[in-house]
């Protein structure tokens, strides 16, 4: 296994410390889901006649959806 270093605001760190949550697992799950979504997007775009702008807008909506799912997952832990 490899290590990934991220930087977060101090305030977020304090909030995270309030909970007994394995944040590494949550982040790993999020990254896996994000990669799966990006792979789906890549497959769609490779067969699509969408413009690059259309694809970026679609990607943004996917990102927002995943962000909402991550927030929901984090709040349920």
C-alpha atoms as a PDB file:
ATOM      1  CA  UNK A   1       0.000   0.000   0.000  1.00  0.00           C
ATOM      2  CA  UNK A   2       1.170   3.518  -0.718  1.00  0.00           C
ATOM      3  CA  UNK A   3       0.684   6.749   1.149  1.00  0.00           C
ATOM      4  CA  UNK A   4      -1.099   9.841  -0.132  1.00  0.00           C
ATOM      5  CA  UNK A   5      -0.555  13.156   1.577  1.00  0.00           C
ATOM      6  CA  UNK A   6      -3.338  15.740   1.449  1.00  0.00           C
ATOM      7  CA  UNK A   7      -3.630  19.182   2.908  1.00  0.00           C
ATOM      8  CA  UNK A   8      -6.821  20.289   4.620  1.00  0.00           C
ATOM      9  CA  UNK A   9      -7.734  23.403   6.559  1.00  0.00           C
ATOM     10  CA  UNK A  10      -7.118  23.319  10.313  1.00  0.00           C
ATOM     11  CA  UNK A  11     -10.809  23.877  10.977  1.00  0.00           C
ATOM     12  CA  UNK A  12     -11.717  20.791   8.965  1.00  0.00           C
ATOM     13  CA  UNK A  13      -9.114  18.752  10.845  1.00  0.00           C
ATOM     14  CA  UNK A  14     -10.619  19.833  14.173  1.00  0.00           C
ATOM     15  CA  UNK A  15     -14.076  18.844  12.996  1.00  0.00           C
ATOM     16  CA  UNK A  16     -12.817  15.462  11.810  1.00  0.00           C
ATOM     17  CA  UNK A  17     -11.225  14.800  15.192  1.00  0.00           C
ATOM     18  CA  UNK A  18     -14.627  15.103  16.862  1.00  0.00           C
ATOM     19  CA  UNK A  19     -15.628  11.760  15.386  1.00  0.00           C
ATOM     20  CA  UNK A  20     -14.232   8.276  15.727  1.00  0.00           C
ATOM     21  CA  UNK A  21     -14.159   7.645  11.999  1.00  0.00           C
ATOM     22  CA  UNK A  22     -11.583   5.903   9.839  1.00  0.00           C
ATOM     23  CA  UNK A  23     -11.109   8.794   7.420  1.00  0.00           C
ATOM     24  CA  UNK A  24      -8.612   6.838   5.331  1.00  0.00           C
ATOM     25  CA  UNK A  25     -11.264   4.270   4.467  1.00  0.00           C
ATOM     26  CA  UNK A  26     -13.806   6.958   3.613  1.00  0.00           C
ATOM     27  CA  UNK A  27     -11.353   8.750   1.348  1.00  0.00           C
ATOM     28  CA  UNK A  28     -10.323   5.460  -0.273  1.00  0.00           C
ATOM     29  CA  UNK A  29     -13.985   4.599  -0.986  1.00  0.00           C
ATOM     30  CA  UNK A  30     -14.527   8.068  -2.409  1.00  0.00           C
ATOM     31  CA  UNK A  31     -11.496   7.790  -4.701  1.00  0.00           C
ATOM     32  CA  UNK A  32     -12.568   4.354  -5.930  1.00  0.00           C
ATOM     33  CA  UNK A  33     -16.054   5.623  -6.752  1.00  0.00           C
ATOM     34  CA  UNK A  34     -14.641   8.725  -8.412  1.00  0.00           C
ATOM     35  CA  UNK A  35     -12.348   6.616 -10.619  1.00  0.00           C
ATOM     36  CA  UNK A  36     -15.285   4.376 -11.553  1.00  0.00           C
ATOM     37  CA  UNK A  37     -17.334   7.428 -12.515  1.00  0.00           C
ATOM     38  CA  UNK A  38     -14.451   8.922 -14.482  1.00  0.00           C
ATOM     39  CA  UNK A  39     -13.965   5.620 -16.309  1.00  0.00           C
ATOM     40  CA  UNK A  40     -17.674   5.595 -17.201  1.00  0.00           C
ATOM     41  CA  UNK A  41     -17.403   9.181 -18.381  1.00  0.00           C
ATOM     42  CA  UNK A  42     -14.315   8.351 -20.419  1.00  0.00           C
ATOM     43  CA  UNK A  43     -16.134   5.467 -22.106  1.00  0.00           C
ATOM     44  CA  UNK A  44     -19.139   7.664 -22.876  1.00  0.00           C
ATOM     45  CA  UNK A  45     -17.026  10.514 -24.211  1.00  0.00           C
ATOM     46  CA  UNK A  46     -14.917   8.230 -26.386  1.00  0.00           C
ATOM     47  CA  UNK A  47     -18.095   7.128 -28.219  1.00  0.00           C
ATOM     48  CA  UNK A  48     -19.774  10.504 -28.132  1.00  0.00           C
ATOM     49  CA  UNK A  49     -20.053  13.394 -30.498  1.00  0.00           C
ATOM     50  CA  UNK A  50     -20.181  15.787 -27.557  1.00  0.00           C
ATOM     51  CA  UNK A  51     -17.936  18.778 -27.637  1.00  0.00           C
ATOM     52  CA  UNK A  52     -15.214  19.115 -25.034  1.00  0.00           C
ATOM     53  CA  UNK A  53     -17.301  21.820 -23.355  1.00  0.00           C
ATOM     54  CA  UNK A  54     -20.320  19.490 -23.165  1.00  0.00           C
ATOM     55  CA  UNK A  55     -18.155  16.784 -21.648  1.00  0.00           C
ATOM     56  CA  UNK A  56     -16.737  19.179 -19.056  1.00  0.00           C
ATOM     57  CA  UNK A  57     -20.214  20.328 -18.057  1.00  0.00           C
ATOM     58  CA  UNK A  58     -21.321  16.709 -17.710  1.00  0.00           C
ATOM     59  CA  UNK A  59     -18.216  15.944 -15.661  1.00  0.00           C
ATOM     60  CA  UNK A  60     -18.987  18.857 -13.346  1.00  0.00           C
ATOM     61  CA  UNK A  61     -22.489  17.525 -12.704  1.00  0.00           C
ATOM     62  CA  UNK A  62     -21.048  14.080 -11.974  1.00  0.00           C
ATOM     63  CA  UNK A  63     -18.513  15.622  -9.589  1.00  0.00           C
ATOM     64  CA  UNK A  64     -21.260  17.513  -7.756  1.00  0.00           C
ATOM     65  CA  UNK A  65     -23.338  14.366  -7.476  1.00  0.00           C
ATOM     66  CA  UNK A  66     -20.398  12.406  -6.087  1.00  0.00           C
ATOM     67  CA  UNK A  67     -19.614  15.190  -3.666  1.00  0.00           C
ATOM     68  CA  UNK A  68     -23.168  15.070  -2.346  1.00  0.00           C
ATOM     69  CA  UNK A  69     -22.976  11.288  -2.007  1.00  0.00           C
ATOM     70  CA  UNK A  70     -19.658  11.612  -0.137  1.00  0.00           C
ATOM     71  CA  UNK A  71     -21.109  14.172   2.228  1.00  0.00           C
ATOM     72  CA  UNK A  72     -24.080  11.890   2.875  1.00  0.00           C
ATOM     73  CA  UNK A  73     -21.763   8.917   3.453  1.00  0.00           C
ATOM     74  CA  UNK A  74     -19.607  10.914   5.844  1.00  0.00           C
ATOM     75  CA  UNK A  75     -22.616  12.110   7.815  1.00  0.00           C
ATOM     76  CA  UNK A  76     -23.907   8.544   8.201  1.00  0.00           C
ATOM     77  CA  UNK A  77     -20.665   7.178   9.668  1.00  0.00           C
END
